[in-house]
């Protein structure tokens, strides 16, 4: 906003996903603003996954073809139409409709006697909202920015449910009561906060894959001959780790007034372990080599070790096959951290009575990753659980069994339940901005089976 008022020209603006957290209505305003900056003589470059933003661009550079080690190339460049015409571009295929996040042919039925009912929610701008969420379904909470979605779902439902079911000390926002919590045995908020704040935290330790990896190495003939226990292969305790960096693989240099700097340990060269520990090999690889593998490589490498393979496979399922097994938590994005948490939940034994809450899980995700993520979320629901997401992405909303649309505006003009029901019912509500944009999408891309496009 400050830049528009300044009226500068000849400036290069670089924006990283400006559409994050914006409803389609607000997104249209954002695109008008960016076009205005261009029209007065500036250059605007955005990193973006949003379909409208890509289609409104004058020039598109498509990177890929996939993520991590499978990416890093320019696949297509030119106008949106030229990218769509390029057979190698996955982005182009989604833009043209050749690939799509399919709408389910049949939505799960909302059972009358199995639902959570939030009565009289009054936190922040909510105006005495009463709404129902059917259990055993995939529910999307939608509405313009500032409409009251987070207050309703996180501040009211999640905090009240975790207080009653899990015994937490959360203080929920004002409300009269919540009915139906007796059908649940736990409630989990899968957010985008980091899985750890030190180089020691990594996907293997967080998902629990590291324990069976250490046990496997300790059971190898060479380890047994040397009398090594699983603790020898831990970088958290003395014994097998490199003591120069205490198993971090890096050494922290405090810069006082500047952020800390991490440099690779010059004793173990980032391997975290001492030489004796690295002498124990499985298929010619040490435990440090295993931590340096990608998840995809790890699934193949441990094909004969179900305890490790299954946990790594859940990471692959959520679209994280490209990250390294021992990648430092400090280098993971919020979206990656959220999907690692999701993978951990997937690998647990399902009770079918869990309420999962996710706030904008598609943040930073490409269409193809959204399709994969939806497969995973719907799998959780197929196990009998209830998944509720706050979401602006229409591709997600159209696959929901049930939608709660809050608004109609943001701030004081919002805080009401505008519409609730199936996506088809939301489309019929004249006051719903979400319904207007959803109608257009459903007409453009009618239903089919719910499958991730391959």
Protein backbone atom coordinates (compact mmCIF):
# COMPACT_ATOMS: atom_id res chain seq x y z
CA UNK A 1 0.00 0.00 0.00
CA UNK A 2 2.85 2.39 0.81
CA UNK A 3 4.43 1.70 -2.59
CA UNK A 4 1.26 2.52 -4.55
CA UNK A 5 1.02 5.89 -2.85
CA UNK A 6 4.67 6.71 -3.53
CA UNK A 7 4.14 6.69 -7.31
CA UNK A 8 7.72 5.54 -7.98
CA UNK A 9 8.64 4.27 -11.45
CA UNK A 10 11.51 2.10 -12.70
CA UNK A 11 11.42 -0.08 -9.57
CA UNK A 12 11.80 -3.89 -9.53
CA UNK A 13 9.33 -5.39 -7.04
CA UNK A 14 9.83 -9.02 -5.96
CA UNK A 15 6.99 -10.67 -4.02
CA UNK A 16 6.98 -14.18 -2.55
CA UNK A 17 3.46 -15.63 -2.71
CA UNK A 18 1.48 -12.44 -2.03
CA UNK A 19 -1.79 -14.37 -2.34
CA UNK A 20 -1.19 -16.39 0.86
CA UNK A 21 -4.14 -16.03 3.24
CA UNK A 22 -6.26 -14.10 0.74
CA UNK A 23 -9.80 -14.96 -0.32
CA UNK A 24 -10.45 -15.00 -4.09
CA UNK A 25 -12.26 -11.67 -3.80
CA UNK A 26 -9.28 -10.00 -2.10
CA UNK A 27 -6.96 -11.76 -4.53
CA UNK A 28 -8.64 -9.98 -7.45
CA UNK A 29 -7.93 -6.65 -5.72
CA UNK A 30 -4.30 -7.65 -5.15
CA UNK A 31 -3.85 -8.50 -8.84
CA UNK A 32 -5.32 -5.11 -9.84
CA UNK A 33 -2.80 -3.43 -7.52
CA UNK A 34 0.15 -5.34 -9.00
CA UNK A 35 -1.01 -4.51 -12.53
CA UNK A 36 -1.22 -0.83 -11.54
CA UNK A 37 2.43 -0.95 -10.35
CA UNK A 38 3.35 -2.45 -13.73
CA UNK A 39 1.33 0.10 -15.69
CA UNK A 40 3.05 3.12 -14.10
CA UNK A 41 6.44 1.84 -15.30
CA UNK A 42 7.69 -0.77 -12.80
CA UNK A 43 8.63 -4.45 -13.10
CA UNK A 44 6.80 -6.91 -10.83
CA UNK A 45 8.08 -10.46 -10.25
CA UNK A 46 6.07 -12.85 -8.07
CA UNK A 47 6.73 -16.40 -6.88
CA UNK A 48 3.22 -17.81 -7.04
CA UNK A 49 1.06 -20.96 -7.15
CA UNK A 50 -2.27 -19.16 -7.50
CA UNK A 51 -4.02 -19.95 -10.79
CA UNK A 52 -5.46 -16.45 -11.30
CA UNK A 53 -2.08 -14.79 -10.67
CA UNK A 54 -0.35 -17.07 -13.19
CA UNK A 55 -3.05 -16.51 -15.83
CA UNK A 56 -2.88 -12.71 -15.39
CA UNK A 57 0.92 -12.63 -15.79
CA UNK A 58 2.52 -11.22 -18.94
CA UNK A 59 5.36 -13.76 -18.75
CA UNK A 60 5.68 -17.04 -16.83
CA UNK A 61 8.85 -18.96 -15.90
CA UNK A 62 7.98 -22.52 -14.82
CA UNK A 63 10.61 -24.28 -12.68
CA UNK A 64 10.77 -28.01 -12.10
CA UNK A 65 9.98 -30.59 -13.20
CA UNK A 66 9.54 -31.77 -9.59
CA UNK A 67 10.88 -30.77 -6.15
CA UNK A 68 14.30 -30.98 -4.50
CA UNK A 69 16.90 -33.01 -6.42
CA UNK A 70 14.30 -33.64 -9.14
CA UNK A 71 13.92 -29.93 -9.88
CA UNK A 72 16.08 -26.90 -10.51
CA UNK A 73 15.48 -26.60 -14.25
CA UNK A 74 13.43 -24.15 -16.30
CA UNK A 75 10.72 -26.33 -17.86
CA UNK A 76 8.79 -23.68 -19.75
CA UNK A 77 8.73 -19.92 -20.20
CA UNK A 78 6.59 -17.47 -22.13
CA UNK A 79 3.01 -16.27 -21.96
CA UNK A 80 0.54 -18.36 -19.89
CA UNK A 81 -0.79 -19.77 -23.19
CA UNK A 82 2.72 -20.84 -24.27
CA UNK A 83 3.29 -22.56 -20.90
CA UNK A 84 -0.06 -24.35 -21.26
CA UNK A 85 0.97 -25.56 -24.71
CA UNK A 86 4.27 -27.01 -23.40
CA UNK A 87 3.78 -30.78 -22.87
CA UNK A 88 6.60 -30.93 -20.27
CA UNK A 89 5.01 -28.40 -17.89
CA UNK A 90 2.90 -29.86 -15.08
CA UNK A 91 1.82 -26.30 -14.22
CA UNK A 92 0.66 -25.84 -17.82
CA UNK A 93 -1.40 -29.04 -17.68
CA UNK A 94 -3.24 -27.85 -14.56
CA UNK A 95 -3.83 -24.40 -16.06
CA UNK A 96 -5.28 -25.87 -19.25
CA UNK A 97 -7.43 -28.41 -17.40
CA UNK A 98 -5.59 -31.43 -18.84
CA UNK A 99 -4.79 -32.34 -15.22
CA UNK A 100 -6.98 -31.33 -12.31
CA UNK A 101 -7.71 -31.82 -8.64
CA UNK A 102 -10.83 -33.89 -9.25
CA UNK A 103 -14.18 -33.18 -7.59
CA UNK A 104 -15.52 -36.25 -5.74
CA UNK A 105 -18.37 -38.01 -7.54
CA UNK A 106 -20.13 -38.71 -4.22
CA UNK A 107 -19.72 -36.68 -1.03
CA UNK A 108 -19.77 -38.34 2.40
CA UNK A 109 -23.15 -38.11 4.05
CA UNK A 110 -23.54 -35.90 7.13
CA UNK A 111 -25.15 -38.09 9.83
CA UNK A 112 -27.77 -36.25 11.90
CA UNK A 113 -26.83 -37.75 15.27
CA UNK A 114 -23.03 -37.56 14.87
CA UNK A 115 -21.91 -33.95 14.77
CA UNK A 116 -20.18 -31.27 16.78
CA UNK A 117 -22.38 -28.26 17.49
CA UNK A 118 -20.76 -24.97 18.51
CA UNK A 119 -23.40 -22.77 20.16
CA UNK A 120 -23.18 -18.99 20.63
CA UNK A 121 -19.56 -18.27 19.62
CA UNK A 122 -18.83 -14.60 20.43
CA UNK A 123 -15.02 -14.22 20.30
CA UNK A 124 -13.57 -11.15 18.52
CA UNK A 125 -16.00 -10.22 15.72
CA UNK A 126 -18.18 -13.38 15.88
CA UNK A 127 -21.85 -12.46 16.30
CA UNK A 128 -23.33 -15.26 18.40
CA UNK A 129 -22.52 -17.90 15.77
CA UNK A 130 -24.06 -21.37 16.06
CA UNK A 131 -22.81 -23.96 13.56
CA UNK A 132 -22.52 -27.71 13.13
CA UNK A 133 -19.62 -29.83 11.85
CA UNK A 134 -20.60 -33.39 10.81
CA UNK A 135 -18.25 -36.02 12.25
CA UNK A 136 -16.45 -38.39 9.90
CA UNK A 137 -16.33 -35.78 7.12
CA UNK A 138 -13.92 -33.37 5.46
CA UNK A 139 -15.11 -29.86 6.37
CA UNK A 140 -13.82 -26.54 5.02
CA UNK A 141 -14.25 -23.26 6.92
CA UNK A 142 -14.23 -20.46 4.36
CA UNK A 143 -14.81 -16.72 4.02
CA UNK A 144 -13.03 -13.47 3.24
CA UNK A 145 -9.97 -12.39 5.24
CA UNK A 146 -11.04 -11.14 8.68
CA UNK A 147 -14.40 -12.95 8.50
CA UNK A 148 -13.86 -14.81 11.81
CA UNK A 149 -12.62 -18.22 10.61
CA UNK A 150 -9.61 -18.53 12.94
CA UNK A 151 -11.56 -17.19 15.94
CA UNK A 152 -14.30 -19.74 15.32
CA UNK A 153 -12.14 -22.79 14.61
CA UNK A 154 -8.88 -22.25 16.52
CA UNK A 155 -9.78 -19.87 19.37
CA UNK A 156 -13.19 -21.42 20.10
CA UNK A 157 -13.52 -25.04 18.91
CA UNK A 158 -9.90 -26.23 19.15
CA UNK A 159 -9.16 -24.60 22.52
CA UNK A 160 -12.44 -25.72 24.08
CA UNK A 161 -12.09 -29.28 22.72
CA UNK A 162 -8.44 -29.66 23.76
CA UNK A 163 -9.33 -28.36 27.24
CA UNK A 164 -12.17 -30.86 27.66
CA UNK A 165 -10.71 -33.90 25.85
CA UNK A 166 -6.95 -33.51 26.36
CA UNK A 167 -7.01 -31.61 29.68
CA UNK A 168 -4.98 -28.68 28.30
CA UNK A 169 -4.98 -25.28 29.96
CA UNK A 170 -6.10 -23.37 26.88
CA UNK A 171 -8.61 -20.55 27.37
CA UNK A 172 -11.22 -20.64 24.58
CA UNK A 173 -12.97 -17.54 23.24
CA UNK A 174 -16.47 -16.73 24.55
CA UNK A 175 -19.17 -19.25 23.63
CA UNK A 176 -22.19 -20.90 25.27
CA UNK A 177 -21.40 -24.58 24.80
CA UNK A 178 -20.08 -27.24 22.42
CA UNK A 179 -22.06 -30.45 21.93
CA UNK A 180 -20.83 -33.77 20.51
CA UNK A 181 -17.28 -33.82 21.93
CA UNK A 182 -18.05 -37.18 23.58
CA UNK A 183 -17.62 -38.80 20.14
CA UNK A 184 -13.92 -37.77 20.04
CA UNK A 185 -10.87 -39.14 21.87
CA UNK A 186 -8.37 -36.50 20.78
CA UNK A 187 -8.10 -33.20 18.94
CA UNK A 188 -4.96 -32.18 17.03
CA UNK A 189 -4.07 -28.82 15.48
CA UNK A 190 -1.52 -29.44 12.70
CA UNK A 191 0.00 -26.00 12.20
CA UNK A 192 3.01 -24.59 10.34
CA UNK A 193 5.21 -23.95 13.37
CA UNK A 194 8.73 -25.50 13.13
CA UNK A 195 9.20 -29.17 14.15
CA UNK A 196 12.28 -28.03 16.09
CA UNK A 197 14.43 -24.95 16.49
CA UNK A 198 17.91 -26.53 16.49
CA UNK A 199 19.97 -28.41 13.83
CA UNK A 200 19.46 -31.55 15.95
CA UNK A 201 15.77 -31.79 15.07
CA UNK A 202 15.04 -33.48 11.75
CA UNK A 203 12.28 -35.42 9.96
CA UNK A 204 13.71 -38.78 11.14
CA UNK A 205 13.65 -37.87 14.84
CA UNK A 206 10.25 -36.14 14.60
CA UNK A 207 8.40 -38.96 12.82
CA UNK A 208 10.03 -41.65 14.98
CA UNK A 209 11.91 -43.24 12.05
CA UNK A 210 15.29 -42.65 13.70
CA UNK A 211 14.74 -45.14 16.57
CA UNK A 212 14.30 -48.19 14.28
CA UNK A 213 17.22 -46.95 12.11
CA UNK A 214 19.51 -46.91 15.19
CA UNK A 215 18.19 -50.30 16.32
CA UNK A 216 18.88 -51.74 12.86
CA UNK A 217 22.48 -50.48 12.81
CA UNK A 218 23.05 -51.78 16.37
CA UNK A 219 21.89 -55.23 15.21
CA UNK A 220 24.44 -55.47 12.38
CA UNK A 221 27.26 -58.07 12.85
CA UNK A 222 30.02 -55.41 12.91
CA UNK A 223 28.19 -53.41 15.62
CA UNK A 224 27.55 -56.54 17.69
CA UNK A 225 31.21 -57.59 17.45
CA UNK A 226 32.20 -54.16 18.82
CA UNK A 227 29.53 -54.27 21.52
CA UNK A 228 27.68 -51.21 20.20
CA UNK A 229 24.17 -50.53 21.57
CA UNK A 230 21.52 -48.35 19.79
CA UNK A 231 22.75 -45.39 21.88
CA UNK A 232 26.06 -45.56 20.01
CA UNK A 233 24.19 -44.38 16.89
CA UNK A 234 22.52 -41.44 18.61
CA UNK A 235 23.91 -37.93 18.08
CA UNK A 236 22.23 -36.72 21.28
CA UNK A 237 24.41 -38.61 23.78
CA UNK A 238 28.14 -39.20 24.23
CA UNK A 239 29.67 -42.34 22.76
CA UNK A 240 29.24 -42.45 19.02
CA UNK A 241 28.78 -38.81 18.17
CA UNK A 242 31.44 -36.28 17.20
CA UNK A 243 32.26 -34.42 20.41
CA UNK A 244 33.67 -31.36 18.63
CA UNK A 245 30.16 -30.36 17.49
CA UNK A 246 28.29 -32.57 19.99
CA UNK A 247 26.48 -34.37 17.19
CA UNK A 248 25.09 -31.26 15.50
CA UNK A 249 27.30 -31.54 12.41
CA UNK A 250 27.59 -27.76 12.58
CA UNK A 251 29.04 -25.30 15.08
CA UNK A 252 27.03 -22.26 16.14
CA UNK A 253 28.84 -18.93 16.07
CA UNK A 254 27.03 -16.25 18.06
CA UNK A 255 27.10 -12.90 16.29
CA UNK A 256 25.65 -10.90 19.24
CA UNK A 257 23.60 -8.24 17.43
CA UNK A 258 23.16 -10.34 14.26
CA UNK A 259 21.46 -13.74 13.78
CA UNK A 260 23.59 -16.78 14.77
CA UNK A 261 25.71 -18.32 12.00
CA UNK A 262 26.20 -22.09 11.63
CA UNK A 263 29.41 -23.45 10.06
CA UNK A 264 30.12 -27.09 9.17
CA UNK A 265 32.15 -28.92 11.84
CA UNK A 266 35.75 -29.32 10.59
CA UNK A 267 36.30 -32.54 12.59
CA UNK A 268 33.43 -34.72 11.32
CA UNK A 269 32.73 -32.56 8.22
CA UNK A 270 29.02 -32.45 8.98
CA UNK A 271 28.62 -36.21 9.49
CA UNK A 272 27.74 -35.87 13.24
CA UNK A 273 29.50 -39.12 14.24
CA UNK A 274 33.06 -40.20 15.11
CA UNK A 275 35.11 -42.44 12.83
CA UNK A 276 34.50 -45.68 14.78
CA UNK A 277 30.71 -45.31 14.50
CA UNK A 278 30.97 -44.60 10.77
CA UNK A 279 32.86 -47.89 10.29
CA UNK A 280 29.58 -49.82 10.77
CA UNK A 281 28.04 -50.20 7.32
CA UNK A 282 24.74 -51.55 5.96
CA UNK A 283 24.78 -52.17 2.18
CA UNK A 284 27.96 -50.09 2.09
CA UNK A 285 26.35 -47.07 3.82
CA UNK A 286 27.06 -45.64 7.27
CA UNK A 287 24.36 -44.09 9.47
CA UNK A 288 25.57 -40.64 8.36
CA UNK A 289 25.04 -41.66 4.72
CA UNK A 290 21.50 -42.78 5.60
CA UNK A 291 20.70 -39.40 7.19
CA UNK A 292 21.97 -37.73 4.03
CA UNK A 293 19.65 -39.77 1.77
CA UNK A 294 16.40 -38.34 0.45
CA UNK A 295 13.20 -39.91 1.78
CA UNK A 296 12.64 -41.57 -1.62
CA UNK A 297 16.09 -43.19 -1.51
CA UNK A 298 15.48 -44.25 2.10
CA UNK A 299 12.22 -46.05 1.22
CA UNK A 300 14.08 -48.15 -1.38
CA UNK A 301 17.17 -48.64 0.81
CA UNK A 302 15.12 -49.95 3.77
CA UNK A 303 12.65 -51.93 1.62
CA UNK A 304 13.33 -55.03 3.77
CA UNK A 305 12.98 -53.16 7.11
CA UNK A 306 9.23 -52.42 7.56
CA UNK A 307 9.74 -50.43 10.79
CA UNK A 308 11.78 -47.81 8.92
CA UNK A 309 10.24 -48.12 5.47
CA UNK A 310 6.64 -47.52 6.60
CA UNK A 311 7.48 -44.32 8.49
CA UNK A 312 9.49 -42.94 5.57
CA UNK A 313 6.73 -43.97 3.18
CA UNK A 314 4.23 -41.68 4.95
CA UNK A 315 6.61 -38.75 4.30
CA UNK A 316 6.66 -39.75 0.64
CA UNK A 317 2.85 -39.95 0.62
CA UNK A 318 2.50 -36.31 1.70
CA UNK A 319 4.79 -35.23 -1.14
CA UNK A 320 8.05 -34.92 0.81
CA UNK A 321 10.05 -37.60 -1.01
CA UNK A 322 12.64 -34.97 -1.93
CA UNK A 323 13.71 -33.86 1.59
CA UNK A 324 16.68 -35.48 3.33
CA UNK A 325 16.01 -37.94 6.16
CA UNK A 326 18.34 -36.03 8.49
CA UNK A 327 17.66 -32.52 7.12
CA UNK A 328 17.98 -29.87 9.82
CA UNK A 329 14.59 -28.61 11.02
CA UNK A 330 15.85 -25.03 10.74
CA UNK A 331 16.02 -25.38 6.93
CA UNK A 332 12.43 -26.60 6.46
CA UNK A 333 9.64 -24.25 5.34
CA UNK A 334 6.38 -23.90 7.29
CA UNK A 335 4.50 -25.96 4.69
CA UNK A 336 7.10 -28.74 4.88
CA UNK A 337 6.95 -28.76 8.70
CA UNK A 338 3.16 -29.04 8.55
CA UNK A 339 3.31 -32.00 6.17
CA UNK A 340 5.92 -33.75 8.36
CA UNK A 341 3.45 -33.44 11.26
CA UNK A 342 0.74 -34.84 9.02
CA UNK A 343 2.99 -37.78 8.08
CA UNK A 344 3.57 -38.50 11.78
CA UNK A 345 -0.21 -38.63 12.34
CA UNK A 346 -0.64 -40.92 9.33
CA UNK A 347 1.87 -43.41 10.70
CA UNK A 348 -0.01 -43.70 14.01
CA UNK A 349 -2.61 -46.38 14.63
CA UNK A 350 -5.97 -44.83 13.77
CA UNK A 351 -8.75 -44.79 16.39
CA UNK A 352 -11.19 -43.16 13.98
CA UNK A 353 -12.21 -40.68 16.68
CA UNK A 354 -9.71 -37.87 16.13
CA UNK A 355 -10.52 -34.29 15.14
CA UNK A 356 -7.75 -32.81 12.96
CA UNK A 357 -7.66 -29.04 12.51
CA UNK A 358 -5.45 -27.44 9.83
CA UNK A 359 -5.10 -23.73 9.10
CA UNK A 360 -4.53 -23.22 5.35
CA UNK A 361 -2.62 -26.47 4.68
CA UNK A 362 -2.15 -25.58 0.98
CA UNK A 363 0.04 -22.54 1.74
CA UNK A 364 3.00 -22.64 -0.65
CA UNK A 365 1.79 -25.73 -2.50
CA UNK A 366 1.64 -26.30 -6.26
CA UNK A 367 -1.55 -27.78 -7.78
CA UNK A 368 0.14 -31.20 -7.96
CA UNK A 369 1.10 -31.09 -4.26
CA UNK A 370 -2.44 -29.97 -3.36
CA UNK A 371 -3.79 -33.09 -5.11
CA UNK A 372 -1.39 -35.30 -3.08
CA UNK A 373 -2.22 -33.51 0.18
CA UNK A 374 -5.96 -33.97 -0.41
CA UNK A 375 -5.45 -37.70 -0.92
CA UNK A 376 -3.81 -37.87 2.51
CA UNK A 377 -6.45 -35.74 4.27
CA UNK A 378 -9.28 -37.78 2.73
CA UNK A 379 -7.48 -40.97 3.80
CA UNK A 380 -7.63 -39.73 7.41
CA UNK A 381 -11.39 -39.18 6.99
CA UNK A 382 -11.84 -42.63 5.41
CA UNK A 383 -10.44 -44.05 8.67
CA UNK A 384 -13.40 -42.46 10.50
CA UNK A 385 -11.66 -39.27 11.66
CA UNK A 386 -12.92 -35.71 11.17
CA UNK A 387 -10.77 -33.18 9.29
CA UNK A 388 -11.57 -29.45 9.42
CA UNK A 389 -9.50 -26.96 7.42
CA UNK A 390 -9.52 -23.18 7.15
CA UNK A 391 -9.00 -22.68 3.44
CA UNK A 392 -9.22 -20.16 0.59
CA UNK A 393 -8.08 -22.58 -2.12
CA UNK A 394 -11.14 -23.42 -4.23
CA UNK A 395 -9.55 -26.71 -5.35
CA UNK A 396 -9.71 -27.86 -1.71
CA UNK A 397 -13.14 -26.38 -0.97
CA UNK A 398 -14.71 -28.19 -3.94
CA UNK A 399 -13.59 -31.60 -2.56
CA UNK A 400 -15.08 -30.93 0.91
CA UNK A 401 -18.11 -32.86 2.18
CA UNK A 402 -19.30 -29.86 4.19
CA UNK A 403 -18.54 -26.12 4.12
CA UNK A 404 -19.05 -23.38 6.74
CA UNK A 405 -18.82 -19.94 5.12
CA UNK A 406 -18.24 -17.06 7.55
CA UNK A 407 -18.48 -13.37 6.69
CA UNK A 408 -19.88 -11.85 4.59
CA UNK A 409 -17.19 -9.14 4.96
CA UNK A 410 -14.06 -8.83 7.12
CA UNK A 411 -13.88 -7.16 10.55
CA UNK A 412 -17.12 -5.61 11.86
CA UNK A 413 -18.88 -6.51 8.63
CA UNK A 414 -18.20 -10.20 9.23
CA UNK A 415 -18.57 -12.70 12.05
CA UNK A 416 -21.80 -14.28 10.80
CA UNK A 417 -22.48 -17.75 9.42
CA UNK A 418 -23.36 -16.86 5.83
CA UNK A 419 -23.97 -20.42 4.64
CA UNK A 420 -23.39 -24.03 5.61
CA UNK A 421 -23.82 -27.29 3.73
CA UNK A 422 -22.29 -29.09 0.77
CA UNK A 423 -20.28 -27.02 -1.76
CA UNK A 424 -23.33 -27.20 -4.05
CA UNK A 425 -25.46 -25.61 -1.30
CA UNK A 426 -22.89 -22.82 -0.73
CA UNK A 427 -23.03 -21.97 -4.44
CA UNK A 428 -26.78 -21.25 -4.11
CA UNK A 429 -26.30 -18.68 -1.30
CA UNK A 430 -26.40 -15.22 -2.91
CA UNK A 431 -24.56 -13.46 -0.04
CA UNK A 432 -21.56 -15.81 -0.13
CA UNK A 433 -18.46 -14.52 -1.95
CA UNK A 434 -17.00 -18.03 -1.67
CA UNK A 435 -20.13 -19.40 -3.37
CA UNK A 436 -19.76 -16.98 -6.30
CA UNK A 437 -16.18 -18.06 -7.04
CA UNK A 438 -16.93 -21.74 -6.34
CA UNK A 439 -19.87 -21.70 -8.78
CA UNK A 440 -17.59 -20.51 -11.55
CA UNK A 441 -15.02 -23.26 -10.77
CA UNK A 442 -17.57 -26.10 -10.55
CA UNK A 443 -19.13 -25.05 -13.85
CA UNK A 444 -15.70 -24.87 -15.51
CA UNK A 445 -14.51 -28.19 -14.08
CA UNK A 446 -17.46 -30.47 -13.26
CA UNK A 447 -17.22 -33.52 -10.99
CA UNK A 448 -15.39 -36.79 -11.31
CA UNK A 449 -13.63 -39.19 -9.00
CA UNK A 450 -11.56 -37.82 -6.14
CA UNK A 451 -8.05 -38.72 -7.27
CA UNK A 452 -4.75 -36.93 -7.30
CA UNK A 453 -3.73 -36.32 -10.86
CA UNK A 454 -0.60 -38.28 -11.65
